[in-house]
mmCIF file of all heavy atoms, coordinates in Angstrom:
data_MODEL
# 
_entry.id   MODEL 
# 
loop_
_atom_site.group_PDB 
_atom_site.id 
_atom_site.type_symbol 
_atom_site.label_atom_id 
_atom_site.label_alt_id 
_atom_site.label_comp_id 
_atom_site.label_asym_id 
_atom_site.label_entity_id 
_atom_site.label_seq_id 
_atom_site.pdbx_PDB_ins_code 
_atom_site.Cartn_x 
_atom_site.Cartn_y 
_atom_site.Cartn_z 
_atom_site.occupancy 
_atom_site.B_iso_or_equiv 
_atom_site.pdbx_formal_charge 
_atom_site.auth_seq_id 
_atom_site.auth_comp_id 
_atom_site.auth_asym_id 
_atom_site.auth_atom_id 
_atom_site.pdbx_PDB_model_num 
ATOM 1   N N   . CYS A 1 1  ? -8.378  -2.498  -7.916  1.00 0.00 ? 1  CYS A N   1 
ATOM 2   C CA  . CYS A 1 1  ? -6.963  -2.802  -8.160  1.00 0.00 ? 1  CYS A CA  1 
ATOM 3   C C   . CYS A 1 1  ? -6.682  -4.295  -8.013  1.00 0.00 ? 1  CYS A C   1 
ATOM 4   O O   . CYS A 1 1  ? -5.933  -4.883  -8.811  1.00 0.00 ? 1  CYS A O   1 
ATOM 5   C CB  . CYS A 1 1  ? -6.079  -2.019  -7.192  1.00 0.00 ? 1  CYS A CB  1 
ATOM 6   S SG  . CYS A 1 1  ? -5.925  -0.257  -7.578  1.00 0.00 ? 1  CYS A SG  1 
ATOM 7   N N   . THR A 1 2  ? -7.276  -4.923  -6.983  1.00 0.00 ? 2  THR A N   1 
ATOM 8   C CA  . THR A 1 2  ? -7.058  -6.363  -6.785  1.00 0.00 ? 2  THR A CA  1 
ATOM 9   C C   . THR A 1 2  ? -7.630  -7.162  -7.954  1.00 0.00 ? 2  THR A C   1 
ATOM 10  O O   . THR A 1 2  ? -7.027  -8.145  -8.401  1.00 0.00 ? 2  THR A O   1 
ATOM 11  C CB  . THR A 1 2  ? -7.700  -6.851  -5.476  1.00 0.00 ? 2  THR A CB  1 
ATOM 12  O OG1 . THR A 1 2  ? -9.120  -6.639  -5.500  1.00 0.00 ? 2  THR A OG1 1 
ATOM 13  C CG2 . THR A 1 2  ? -7.107  -6.130  -4.273  1.00 0.00 ? 2  THR A CG2 1 
ATOM 14  N N   . GLN A 1 3  ? -8.784  -6.734  -8.474  1.00 0.00 ? 3  GLN A N   1 
ATOM 15  C CA  . GLN A 1 3  ? -9.384  -7.434  -9.611  1.00 0.00 ? 3  GLN A CA  1 
ATOM 16  C C   . GLN A 1 3  ? -8.527  -7.308  -10.868 1.00 0.00 ? 3  GLN A C   1 
ATOM 17  O O   . GLN A 1 3  ? -8.305  -8.283  -11.590 1.00 0.00 ? 3  GLN A O   1 
ATOM 18  C CB  . GLN A 1 3  ? -10.790 -6.881  -9.874  1.00 0.00 ? 3  GLN A CB  1 
ATOM 19  C CG  . GLN A 1 3  ? -11.791 -7.198  -8.778  1.00 0.00 ? 3  GLN A CG  1 
ATOM 20  C CD  . GLN A 1 3  ? -13.153 -6.581  -9.034  1.00 0.00 ? 3  GLN A CD  1 
ATOM 21  O OE1 . GLN A 1 3  ? -13.249 -5.429  -9.459  1.00 0.00 ? 3  GLN A OE1 1 
ATOM 22  N NE2 . GLN A 1 3  ? -14.200 -7.343  -8.786  1.00 0.00 ? 3  GLN A NE2 1 
ATOM 23  N N   . LEU A 1 4  ? -8.029  -6.096  -11.114 1.00 0.00 ? 4  LEU A N   1 
ATOM 24  C CA  . LEU A 1 4  ? -7.183  -5.872  -12.288 1.00 0.00 ? 4  LEU A CA  1 
ATOM 25  C C   . LEU A 1 4  ? -5.849  -6.607  -12.162 1.00 0.00 ? 4  LEU A C   1 
ATOM 26  O O   . LEU A 1 4  ? -5.340  -7.166  -13.136 1.00 0.00 ? 4  LEU A O   1 
ATOM 27  C CB  . LEU A 1 4  ? -6.945  -4.372  -12.485 1.00 0.00 ? 4  LEU A CB  1 
ATOM 28  C CG  . LEU A 1 4  ? -8.164  -3.534  -12.860 1.00 0.00 ? 4  LEU A CG  1 
ATOM 29  C CD1 . LEU A 1 4  ? -7.815  -2.042  -12.842 1.00 0.00 ? 4  LEU A CD1 1 
ATOM 30  C CD2 . LEU A 1 4  ? -8.679  -3.929  -14.243 1.00 0.00 ? 4  LEU A CD2 1 
ATOM 31  N N   . ALA A 1 5  ? -5.270  -6.595  -10.955 1.00 0.00 ? 5  ALA A N   1 
ATOM 32  C CA  . ALA A 1 5  ? -4.004  -7.305  -10.729 1.00 0.00 ? 5  ALA A CA  1 
ATOM 33  C C   . ALA A 1 5  ? -4.183  -8.808  -10.893 1.00 0.00 ? 5  ALA A C   1 
ATOM 34  O O   . ALA A 1 5  ? -3.325  -9.487  -11.481 1.00 0.00 ? 5  ALA A O   1 
ATOM 35  C CB  . ALA A 1 5  ? -3.478  -6.978  -9.327  1.00 0.00 ? 5  ALA A CB  1 
ATOM 36  N N   . LYS A 1 6  ? -5.281  -9.327  -10.392 1.00 0.00 ? 6  LYS A N   1 
ATOM 37  C CA  . LYS A 1 6  ? -5.578  -10.763 -10.537 1.00 0.00 ? 6  LYS A CA  1 
ATOM 38  C C   . LYS A 1 6  ? -5.752  -11.128 -12.003 1.00 0.00 ? 6  LYS A C   1 
ATOM 39  O O   . LYS A 1 6  ? -5.249  -12.165 -12.474 1.00 0.00 ? 6  LYS A O   1 
ATOM 40  C CB  . LYS A 1 6  ? -6.848  -11.092 -9.744  1.00 0.00 ? 6  LYS A CB  1 
ATOM 41  C CG  . LYS A 1 6  ? -7.239  -12.563 -9.764  1.00 0.00 ? 6  LYS A CG  1 
ATOM 42  C CD  . LYS A 1 6  ? -6.296  -13.392 -8.930  1.00 0.00 ? 6  LYS A CD  1 
ATOM 43  C CE  . LYS A 1 6  ? -6.758  -14.839 -8.838  1.00 0.00 ? 6  LYS A CE  1 
ATOM 44  N NZ  . LYS A 1 6  ? -5.795  -15.672 -8.094  1.00 0.00 ? 6  LYS A NZ  1 
ATOM 45  N N   . ARG A 1 7  ? -6.444  -10.269 -12.746 1.00 0.00 ? 7  ARG A N   1 
ATOM 46  C CA  . ARG A 1 7  ? -6.678  -10.532 -14.166 1.00 0.00 ? 7  ARG A CA  1 
ATOM 47  C C   . ARG A 1 7  ? -5.376  -10.438 -14.959 1.00 0.00 ? 7  ARG A C   1 
ATOM 48  O O   . ARG A 1 7  ? -5.152  -11.225 -15.886 1.00 0.00 ? 7  ARG A O   1 
ATOM 49  C CB  . ARG A 1 7  ? -7.695  -9.521  -14.692 1.00 0.00 ? 7  ARG A CB  1 
ATOM 50  C CG  . ARG A 1 7  ? -8.256  -9.839  -16.073 1.00 0.00 ? 7  ARG A CG  1 
ATOM 51  C CD  . ARG A 1 7  ? -9.256  -8.768  -16.478 1.00 0.00 ? 7  ARG A CD  1 
ATOM 52  N NE  . ARG A 1 7  ? -10.270 -8.564  -15.450 1.00 0.00 ? 7  ARG A NE  1 
ATOM 53  C CZ  . ARG A 1 7  ? -11.026 -7.488  -15.352 1.00 0.00 ? 7  ARG A CZ  1 
ATOM 54  N NH1 . ARG A 1 7  ? -10.840 -6.476  -16.199 1.00 0.00 ? 7  ARG A NH1 1 
ATOM 55  N NH2 . ARG A 1 7  ? -11.933 -7.387  -14.416 1.00 0.00 ? 7  ARG A NH2 1 
ATOM 56  N N   . GLN A 1 8  ? -4.501  -9.498  -14.604 1.00 0.00 ? 8  GLN A N   1 
ATOM 57  C CA  . GLN A 1 8  ? -3.266  -9.279  -15.361 1.00 0.00 ? 8  GLN A CA  1 
ATOM 58  C C   . GLN A 1 8  ? -2.173  -10.289 -15.023 1.00 0.00 ? 8  GLN A C   1 
ATOM 59  O O   . GLN A 1 8  ? -1.464  -10.765 -15.915 1.00 0.00 ? 8  GLN A O   1 
ATOM 60  C CB  . GLN A 1 8  ? -2.751  -7.862  -15.096 1.00 0.00 ? 8  GLN A CB  1 
ATOM 61  C CG  . GLN A 1 8  ? -1.476  -7.503  -15.847 1.00 0.00 ? 8  GLN A CG  1 
ATOM 62  C CD  . GLN A 1 8  ? -1.088  -6.039  -15.679 1.00 0.00 ? 8  GLN A CD  1 
ATOM 63  O OE1 . GLN A 1 8  ? -1.936  -5.193  -15.423 1.00 0.00 ? 8  GLN A OE1 1 
ATOM 64  N NE2 . GLN A 1 8  ? 0.192   -5.746  -15.827 1.00 0.00 ? 8  GLN A NE2 1 
ATOM 65  N N   . TRP A 1 9  ? -2.031  -10.610 -13.715 1.00 0.00 ? 9  TRP A N   1 
ATOM 66  C CA  . TRP A 1 9  ? -0.902  -11.433 -13.292 1.00 0.00 ? 9  TRP A CA  1 
ATOM 67  C C   . TRP A 1 9  ? -1.298  -12.800 -12.748 1.00 0.00 ? 9  TRP A C   1 
ATOM 68  O O   . TRP A 1 9  ? -0.451  -13.680 -12.640 1.00 0.00 ? 9  TRP A O   1 
ATOM 69  C CB  . TRP A 1 9  ? -0.102  -10.696 -12.208 1.00 0.00 ? 9  TRP A CB  1 
ATOM 70  C CG  . TRP A 1 9  ? 0.525   -9.427  -12.683 1.00 0.00 ? 9  TRP A CG  1 
ATOM 71  C CD1 . TRP A 1 9  ? 1.189   -9.208  -13.850 1.00 0.00 ? 9  TRP A CD1 1 
ATOM 72  C CD2 . TRP A 1 9  ? 0.555   -8.182  -11.977 1.00 0.00 ? 9  TRP A CD2 1 
ATOM 73  N NE1 . TRP A 1 9  ? 1.645   -7.913  -13.918 1.00 0.00 ? 9  TRP A NE1 1 
ATOM 74  C CE2 . TRP A 1 9  ? 1.276   -7.243  -12.772 1.00 0.00 ? 9  TRP A CE2 1 
ATOM 75  C CE3 . TRP A 1 9  ? 0.081   -7.740  -10.738 1.00 0.00 ? 9  TRP A CE3 1 
ATOM 76  C CZ2 . TRP A 1 9  ? 1.501   -5.936  -12.391 1.00 0.00 ? 9  TRP A CZ2 1 
ATOM 77  C CZ3 . TRP A 1 9  ? 0.316   -6.439  -10.360 1.00 0.00 ? 9  TRP A CZ3 1 
ATOM 78  C CH2 . TRP A 1 9  ? 1.017   -5.543  -11.171 1.00 0.00 ? 9  TRP A CH2 1 
ATOM 79  N N   . GLY A 1 10 ? -2.530  -12.971 -12.367 1.00 0.00 ? 10 GLY A N   1 
ATOM 80  C CA  . GLY A 1 10 ? -2.896  -14.198 -11.662 1.00 0.00 ? 10 GLY A CA  1 
ATOM 81  C C   . GLY A 1 10 ? -2.538  -14.049 -10.196 1.00 0.00 ? 10 GLY A C   1 
ATOM 82  O O   . GLY A 1 10 ? -3.344  -13.593 -9.386  1.00 0.00 ? 10 GLY A O   1 
ATOM 83  N N   . ASN A 1 11 ? -1.312  -14.423 -9.854  1.00 0.00 ? 11 ASN A N   1 
ATOM 84  C CA  . ASN A 1 11 ? -0.822  -14.232 -8.490  1.00 0.00 ? 11 ASN A CA  1 
ATOM 85  C C   . ASN A 1 11 ? -0.112  -12.885 -8.378  1.00 0.00 ? 11 ASN A C   1 
ATOM 86  O O   . ASN A 1 11 ? 0.613   -12.485 -9.292  1.00 0.00 ? 11 ASN A O   1 
ATOM 87  C CB  . ASN A 1 11 ? 0.144   -15.360 -8.106  1.00 0.00 ? 11 ASN A CB  1 
ATOM 88  C CG  . ASN A 1 11 ? -0.560  -16.709 -8.080  1.00 0.00 ? 11 ASN A CG  1 
ATOM 89  O OD1 . ASN A 1 11 ? -1.720  -16.806 -7.690  1.00 0.00 ? 11 ASN A OD1 1 
ATOM 90  N ND2 . ASN A 1 11 ? 0.142   -17.746 -8.491  1.00 0.00 ? 11 ASN A ND2 1 
ATOM 91  N N   . TYR A 1 12 ? -0.299  -12.216 -7.279  1.00 0.00 ? 12 TYR A N   1 
ATOM 92  C CA  . TYR A 1 12 ? 0.347   -10.923 -7.063  1.00 0.00 ? 12 TYR A CA  1 
ATOM 93  C C   . TYR A 1 12 ? 0.648   -10.759 -5.576  1.00 0.00 ? 12 TYR A C   1 
ATOM 94  O O   . TYR A 1 12 ? 0.203   -11.560 -4.741  1.00 0.00 ? 12 TYR A O   1 
ATOM 95  C CB  . TYR A 1 12 ? -0.537  -9.772  -7.559  1.00 0.00 ? 12 TYR A CB  1 
ATOM 96  C CG  . TYR A 1 12 ? -1.869  -9.666  -6.845  1.00 0.00 ? 12 TYR A CG  1 
ATOM 97  C CD1 . TYR A 1 12 ? -2.021  -8.859  -5.718  1.00 0.00 ? 12 TYR A CD1 1 
ATOM 98  C CD2 . TYR A 1 12 ? -2.985  -10.376 -7.292  1.00 0.00 ? 12 TYR A CD2 1 
ATOM 99  C CE1 . TYR A 1 12 ? -3.228  -8.771  -5.055  1.00 0.00 ? 12 TYR A CE1 1 
ATOM 100 C CE2 . TYR A 1 12 ? -4.196  -10.275 -6.630  1.00 0.00 ? 12 TYR A CE2 1 
ATOM 101 C CZ  . TYR A 1 12 ? -4.314  -9.484  -5.514  1.00 0.00 ? 12 TYR A CZ  1 
ATOM 102 O OH  . TYR A 1 12 ? -5.508  -9.400  -4.862  1.00 0.00 ? 12 TYR A OH  1 
ATOM 103 N N   . PHE A 1 13 ? 1.411   -9.706  -5.247  1.00 0.00 ? 13 PHE A N   1 
ATOM 104 C CA  . PHE A 1 13 ? 1.776   -9.428  -3.859  1.00 0.00 ? 13 PHE A CA  1 
ATOM 105 C C   . PHE A 1 13 ? 1.338   -8.008  -3.483  1.00 0.00 ? 13 PHE A C   1 
ATOM 106 O O   . PHE A 1 13 ? 1.161   -7.159  -4.352  1.00 0.00 ? 13 PHE A O   1 
ATOM 107 C CB  . PHE A 1 13 ? 3.286   -9.584  -3.661  1.00 0.00 ? 13 PHE A CB  1 
ATOM 108 C CG  . PHE A 1 13 ? 3.770   -10.999 -3.828  1.00 0.00 ? 13 PHE A CG  1 
ATOM 109 C CD1 . PHE A 1 13 ? 4.147   -11.463 -5.087  1.00 0.00 ? 13 PHE A CD1 1 
ATOM 110 C CD2 . PHE A 1 13 ? 3.828   -11.861 -2.748  1.00 0.00 ? 13 PHE A CD2 1 
ATOM 111 C CE1 . PHE A 1 13 ? 4.576   -12.763 -5.254  1.00 0.00 ? 13 PHE A CE1 1 
ATOM 112 C CE2 . PHE A 1 13 ? 4.258   -13.167 -2.908  1.00 0.00 ? 13 PHE A CE2 1 
ATOM 113 C CZ  . PHE A 1 13 ? 4.639   -13.616 -4.164  1.00 0.00 ? 13 PHE A CZ  1 
ATOM 114 N N   . VAL A 1 14 ? 1.182   -7.808  -2.192  1.00 0.00 ? 14 VAL A N   1 
ATOM 115 C CA  . VAL A 1 14 ? 0.709   -6.524  -1.661  1.00 0.00 ? 14 VAL A CA  1 
ATOM 116 C C   . VAL A 1 14 ? 1.749   -5.956  -0.705  1.00 0.00 ? 14 VAL A C   1 
ATOM 117 O O   . VAL A 1 14 ? 2.224   -6.661  0.199   1.00 0.00 ? 14 VAL A O   1 
ATOM 118 C CB  . VAL A 1 14 ? -0.634  -6.683  -0.922  1.00 0.00 ? 14 VAL A CB  1 
ATOM 119 C CG1 . VAL A 1 14 ? -1.113  -5.341  -0.383  1.00 0.00 ? 14 VAL A CG1 1 
ATOM 120 C CG2 . VAL A 1 14 ? -1.683  -7.305  -1.826  1.00 0.00 ? 14 VAL A CG2 1 
ATOM 121 N N   . LEU A 1 15 ? 2.108   -4.711  -0.928  1.00 0.00 ? 15 LEU A N   1 
ATOM 122 C CA  . LEU A 1 15 ? 2.926   -3.965  0.028   1.00 0.00 ? 15 LEU A CA  1 
ATOM 123 C C   . LEU A 1 15 ? 1.995   -3.014  0.768   1.00 0.00 ? 15 LEU A C   1 
ATOM 124 O O   . LEU A 1 15 ? 1.426   -2.103  0.172   1.00 0.00 ? 15 LEU A O   1 
ATOM 125 C CB  . LEU A 1 15 ? 4.028   -3.177  -0.684  1.00 0.00 ? 15 LEU A CB  1 
ATOM 126 C CG  . LEU A 1 15 ? 4.802   -2.147  0.150   1.00 0.00 ? 15 LEU A CG  1 
ATOM 127 C CD1 . LEU A 1 15 ? 5.480   -2.804  1.340   1.00 0.00 ? 15 LEU A CD1 1 
ATOM 128 C CD2 . LEU A 1 15 ? 5.808   -1.390  -0.715  1.00 0.00 ? 15 LEU A CD2 1 
ATOM 129 N N   . LYS A 1 16 ? 1.823   -3.253  2.057   1.00 0.00 ? 16 LYS A N   1 
ATOM 130 C CA  . LYS A 1 16 ? 0.934   -2.418  2.875   1.00 0.00 ? 16 LYS A CA  1 
ATOM 131 C C   . LYS A 1 16 ? 1.785   -1.627  3.861   1.00 0.00 ? 16 LYS A C   1 
ATOM 132 O O   . LYS A 1 16 ? 2.493   -2.221  4.684   1.00 0.00 ? 16 LYS A O   1 
ATOM 133 C CB  . LYS A 1 16 ? -0.089  -3.262  3.620   1.00 0.00 ? 16 LYS A CB  1 
ATOM 134 C CG  . LYS A 1 16 ? -1.149  -2.437  4.344   1.00 0.00 ? 16 LYS A CG  1 
ATOM 135 C CD  . LYS A 1 16 ? -2.238  -3.312  4.932   1.00 0.00 ? 16 LYS A CD  1 
ATOM 136 C CE  . LYS A 1 16 ? -3.353  -2.447  5.524   1.00 0.00 ? 16 LYS A CE  1 
ATOM 137 N NZ  . LYS A 1 16 ? -2.884  -1.634  6.665   1.00 0.00 ? 16 LYS A NZ  1 
ATOM 138 N N   . CYS A 1 17 ? 1.724   -0.302  3.753   1.00 0.00 ? 17 CYS A N   1 
ATOM 139 C CA  . CYS A 1 17 ? 2.579   0.579   4.560   1.00 0.00 ? 17 CYS A CA  1 
ATOM 140 C C   . CYS A 1 17 ? 1.746   1.463   5.484   1.00 0.00 ? 17 CYS A C   1 
ATOM 141 O O   . CYS A 1 17 ? 0.630   1.861   5.148   1.00 0.00 ? 17 CYS A O   1 
ATOM 142 C CB  . CYS A 1 17 ? 3.427   1.468   3.653   1.00 0.00 ? 17 CYS A CB  1 
ATOM 143 S SG  . CYS A 1 17 ? 4.551   0.573   2.555   1.00 0.00 ? 17 CYS A SG  1 
ATOM 144 N N   . ASP A 1 18 ? 2.340   1.769   6.605   1.00 0.00 ? 18 ASP A N   1 
ATOM 145 C CA  . ASP A 1 18 ? 1.721   2.662   7.582   1.00 0.00 ? 18 ASP A CA  1 
ATOM 146 C C   . ASP A 1 18 ? 2.832   3.546   8.148   1.00 0.00 ? 18 ASP A C   1 
ATOM 147 O O   . ASP A 1 18 ? 3.871   3.044   8.584   1.00 0.00 ? 18 ASP A O   1 
ATOM 148 C CB  . ASP A 1 18 ? 1.044   1.847   8.695   1.00 0.00 ? 18 ASP A CB  1 
ATOM 149 C CG  . ASP A 1 18 ? 0.513   2.727   9.799   1.00 0.00 ? 18 ASP A CG  1 
ATOM 150 O OD1 . ASP A 1 18 ? -0.082  3.770   9.493   1.00 0.00 ? 18 ASP A OD1 1 
ATOM 151 O OD2 . ASP A 1 18 ? 0.694   2.375   10.985  1.00 0.00 ? 18 ASP A OD2 1 
ATOM 152 N N   . ILE A 1 19 ? 2.632   4.850   8.119   1.00 0.00 ? 19 ILE A N   1 
ATOM 153 C CA  . ILE A 1 19 ? 3.653   5.772   8.614   1.00 0.00 ? 19 ILE A CA  1 
ATOM 154 C C   . ILE A 1 19 ? 3.541   5.894   10.131  1.00 0.00 ? 19 ILE A C   1 
ATOM 155 O O   . ILE A 1 19 ? 2.454   6.100   10.679  1.00 0.00 ? 19 ILE A O   1 
ATOM 156 C CB  . ILE A 1 19 ? 3.509   7.150   7.942   1.00 0.00 ? 19 ILE A CB  1 
ATOM 157 C CG1 . ILE A 1 19 ? 3.759   7.018   6.439   1.00 0.00 ? 19 ILE A CG1 1 
ATOM 158 C CG2 . ILE A 1 19 ? 4.474   8.160   8.562   1.00 0.00 ? 19 ILE A CG2 1 
ATOM 159 C CD1 . ILE A 1 19 ? 3.516   8.278   5.653   1.00 0.00 ? 19 ILE A CD1 1 
ATOM 160 N N   . SER A 1 20 ? 4.666   5.759   10.792  1.00 0.00 ? 20 SER A N   1 
ATOM 161 C CA  . SER A 1 20 ? 4.692   5.777   12.252  1.00 0.00 ? 20 SER A CA  1 
ATOM 162 C C   . SER A 1 20 ? 4.463   7.186   12.798  1.00 0.00 ? 20 SER A C   1 
ATOM 163 O O   . SER A 1 20 ? 5.142   8.132   12.396  1.00 0.00 ? 20 SER A O   1 
ATOM 164 C CB  . SER A 1 20 ? 6.045   5.236   12.729  1.00 0.00 ? 20 SER A CB  1 
ATOM 165 O OG  . SER A 1 20 ? 6.141   5.285   14.135  1.00 0.00 ? 20 SER A OG  1 
ATOM 166 N N   . LYS A 1 21 ? 3.481   7.315   13.700  1.00 0.00 ? 21 LYS A N   1 
ATOM 167 C CA  . LYS A 1 21 ? 3.192   8.575   14.403  1.00 0.00 ? 21 LYS A CA  1 
ATOM 168 C C   . LYS A 1 21 ? 3.201   9.753   13.429  1.00 0.00 ? 21 LYS A C   1 
ATOM 169 O O   . LYS A 1 21 ? 3.933   10.732  13.609  1.00 0.00 ? 21 LYS A O   1 
ATOM 170 C CB  . LYS A 1 21 ? 4.226   8.798   15.509  1.00 0.00 ? 21 LYS A CB  1 
ATOM 171 C CG  . LYS A 1 21 ? 4.216   7.703   16.564  1.00 0.00 ? 21 LYS A CG  1 
ATOM 172 C CD  . LYS A 1 21 ? 5.288   7.917   17.612  1.00 0.00 ? 21 LYS A CD  1 
ATOM 173 C CE  . LYS A 1 21 ? 5.288   6.797   18.637  1.00 0.00 ? 21 LYS A CE  1 
ATOM 174 N NZ  . LYS A 1 21 ? 6.362   6.955   19.640  1.00 0.00 ? 21 LYS A NZ  1 
ATOM 175 N N   . PHE A 1 22 ? 2.353   9.662   12.426  1.00 0.00 ? 22 PHE A N   1 
ATOM 176 C CA  . PHE A 1 22 ? 2.403   10.610  11.322  1.00 0.00 ? 22 PHE A CA  1 
ATOM 177 C C   . PHE A 1 22 ? 2.153   12.057  11.758  1.00 0.00 ? 22 PHE A C   1 
ATOM 178 O O   . PHE A 1 22 ? 2.991   12.940  11.556  1.00 0.00 ? 22 PHE A O   1 
ATOM 179 C CB  . PHE A 1 22 ? 1.406   10.201  10.238  1.00 0.00 ? 22 PHE A CB  1 
ATOM 180 C CG  . PHE A 1 22 ? 1.262   11.213  9.139   1.00 0.00 ? 22 PHE A CG  1 
ATOM 181 C CD1 . PHE A 1 22 ? 2.375   11.664  8.437   1.00 0.00 ? 22 PHE A CD1 1 
ATOM 182 C CD2 . PHE A 1 22 ? 0.023   11.744  8.800   1.00 0.00 ? 22 PHE A CD2 1 
ATOM 183 C CE1 . PHE A 1 22 ? 2.260   12.605  7.424   1.00 0.00 ? 22 PHE A CE1 1 
ATOM 184 C CE2 . PHE A 1 22 ? -0.106  12.681  7.796   1.00 0.00 ? 22 PHE A CE2 1 
ATOM 185 C CZ  . PHE A 1 22 ? 1.021   13.105  7.109   1.00 0.00 ? 22 PHE A CZ  1 
ATOM 186 N N   . PHE A 1 23 ? 0.989   12.336  12.352  1.00 0.00 ? 23 PHE A N   1 
ATOM 187 C CA  . PHE A 1 23 ? 0.649   13.715  12.709  1.00 0.00 ? 23 PHE A CA  1 
ATOM 188 C C   . PHE A 1 23 ? 1.674   14.340  13.665  1.00 0.00 ? 23 PHE A C   1 
ATOM 189 O O   . PHE A 1 23 ? 2.074   15.496  13.476  1.00 0.00 ? 23 PHE A O   1 
ATOM 190 C CB  . PHE A 1 23 ? -0.760  13.787  13.299  1.00 0.00 ? 23 PHE A CB  1 
ATOM 191 C CG  . PHE A 1 23 ? -1.851  13.787  12.274  1.00 0.00 ? 23 PHE A CG  1 
ATOM 192 C CD1 . PHE A 1 23 ? -2.358  12.593  11.771  1.00 0.00 ? 23 PHE A CD1 1 
ATOM 193 C CD2 . PHE A 1 23 ? -2.362  14.973  11.778  1.00 0.00 ? 23 PHE A CD2 1 
ATOM 194 C CE1 . PHE A 1 23 ? -3.354  12.587  10.804  1.00 0.00 ? 23 PHE A CE1 1 
ATOM 195 C CE2 . PHE A 1 23 ? -3.363  14.988  10.813  1.00 0.00 ? 23 PHE A CE2 1 
ATOM 196 C CZ  . PHE A 1 23 ? -3.855  13.790  10.318  1.00 0.00 ? 23 PHE A CZ  1 
ATOM 197 N N   . PRO A 1 24 ? 2.137   13.608  14.704  1.00 0.00 ? 24 PRO A N   1 
ATOM 198 C CA  . PRO A 1 24 ? 3.152   14.209  15.587  1.00 0.00 ? 24 PRO A CA  1 
ATOM 199 C C   . PRO A 1 24 ? 4.524   14.367  14.931  1.00 0.00 ? 24 PRO A C   1 
ATOM 200 O O   . PRO A 1 24 ? 5.400   15.007  15.520  1.00 0.00 ? 24 PRO A O   1 
ATOM 201 C CB  . PRO A 1 24 ? 3.236   13.200  16.750  1.00 0.00 ? 24 PRO A CB  1 
ATOM 202 C CG  . PRO A 1 24 ? 1.998   12.386  16.668  1.00 0.00 ? 24 PRO A CG  1 
ATOM 203 C CD  . PRO A 1 24 ? 1.650   12.319  15.223  1.00 0.00 ? 24 PRO A CD  1 
ATOM 204 N N   . SER A 1 25 ? 4.719   13.783  13.730  1.00 0.00 ? 25 SER A N   1 
ATOM 205 C CA  . SER A 1 25 ? 6.041   13.804  13.090  1.00 0.00 ? 25 SER A CA  1 
ATOM 206 C C   . SER A 1 25 ? 6.152   14.802  11.945  1.00 0.00 ? 25 SER A C   1 
ATOM 207 O O   . SER A 1 25 ? 7.226   14.924  11.345  1.00 0.00 ? 25 SER A O   1 
ATOM 208 C CB  . SER A 1 25 ? 6.382   12.399  12.573  1.00 0.00 ? 25 SER A CB  1 
ATOM 209 O OG  . SER A 1 25 ? 6.374   11.449  13.613  1.00 0.00 ? 25 SER A OG  1 
ATOM 210 N N   . VAL A 1 26 ? 5.075   15.492  11.610  1.00 0.00 ? 26 VAL A N   1 
ATOM 211 C CA  . VAL A 1 26 ? 5.110   16.432  10.480  1.00 0.00 ? 26 VAL A CA  1 
ATOM 212 C C   . VAL A 1 26 ? 6.042   17.597  10.793  1.00 0.00 ? 26 VAL A C   1 
ATOM 213 O O   . VAL A 1 26 ? 5.850   18.318  11.780  1.00 0.00 ? 26 VAL A O   1 
ATOM 214 C CB  . VAL A 1 26 ? 3.691   16.951  10.160  1.00 0.00 ? 26 VAL A CB  1 
ATOM 215 C CG1 . VAL A 1 26 ? 3.750   18.083  9.137   1.00 0.00 ? 26 VAL A CG1 1 
ATOM 216 C CG2 . VAL A 1 26 ? 2.813   15.811  9.638   1.00 0.00 ? 26 VAL A CG2 1 
ATOM 217 N N   . ASN A 1 27 ? 7.053   17.792  9.962   1.00 0.00 ? 27 ASN A N   1 
ATOM 218 C CA  . ASN A 1 27 ? 8.033   18.860  10.151  1.00 0.00 ? 27 ASN A CA  1 
ATOM 219 C C   . ASN A 1 27 ? 7.478   20.172  9.586   1.00 0.00 ? 27 ASN A C   1 
ATOM 220 O O   . ASN A 1 27 ? 7.108   20.245  8.415   1.00 0.00 ? 27 ASN A O   1 
ATOM 221 C CB  . ASN A 1 27 ? 9.343   18.489  9.445   1.00 0.00 ? 27 ASN A CB  1 
ATOM 222 C CG  . ASN A 1 27 ? 10.423  19.519  9.647   1.00 0.00 ? 27 ASN A CG  1 
ATOM 223 O OD1 . ASN A 1 27 ? 10.372  20.620  9.097   1.00 0.00 ? 27 ASN A OD1 1 
ATOM 224 N ND2 . ASN A 1 27 ? 11.420  19.173  10.447  1.00 0.00 ? 27 ASN A ND2 1 
ATOM 225 N N   . HIS A 1 28 ? 7.426   21.214  10.412  1.00 0.00 ? 28 HIS A N   1 
ATOM 226 C CA  . HIS A 1 28 ? 6.815   22.476  10.011  1.00 0.00 ? 28 HIS A CA  1 
ATOM 227 C C   . HIS A 1 28 ? 7.538   23.134  8.837   1.00 0.00 ? 28 HIS A C   1 
ATOM 228 O O   . HIS A 1 28 ? 6.899   23.653  7.916   1.00 0.00 ? 28 HIS A O   1 
ATOM 229 C CB  . HIS A 1 28 ? 6.778   23.445  11.199  1.00 0.00 ? 28 HIS A CB  1 
ATOM 230 C CG  . HIS A 1 28 ? 5.854   23.000  12.287  1.00 0.00 ? 28 HIS A CG  1 
ATOM 231 N ND1 . HIS A 1 28 ? 5.533   23.786  13.370  1.00 0.00 ? 28 HIS A ND1 1 
ATOM 232 C CD2 . HIS A 1 28 ? 5.177   21.842  12.471  1.00 0.00 ? 28 HIS A CD2 1 
ATOM 233 C CE1 . HIS A 1 28 ? 4.698   23.148  14.165  1.00 0.00 ? 28 HIS A CE1 1 
ATOM 234 N NE2 . HIS A 1 28 ? 4.483   21.952  13.640  1.00 0.00 ? 28 HIS A NE2 1 
# 
């Protein structure tokens, strides 16, 4: 993905997400 994004746009940005306390937060 980084190679394709670099080839398509030159400069690009990354959104990196992490879900807080995922396993303890799963609603049954």
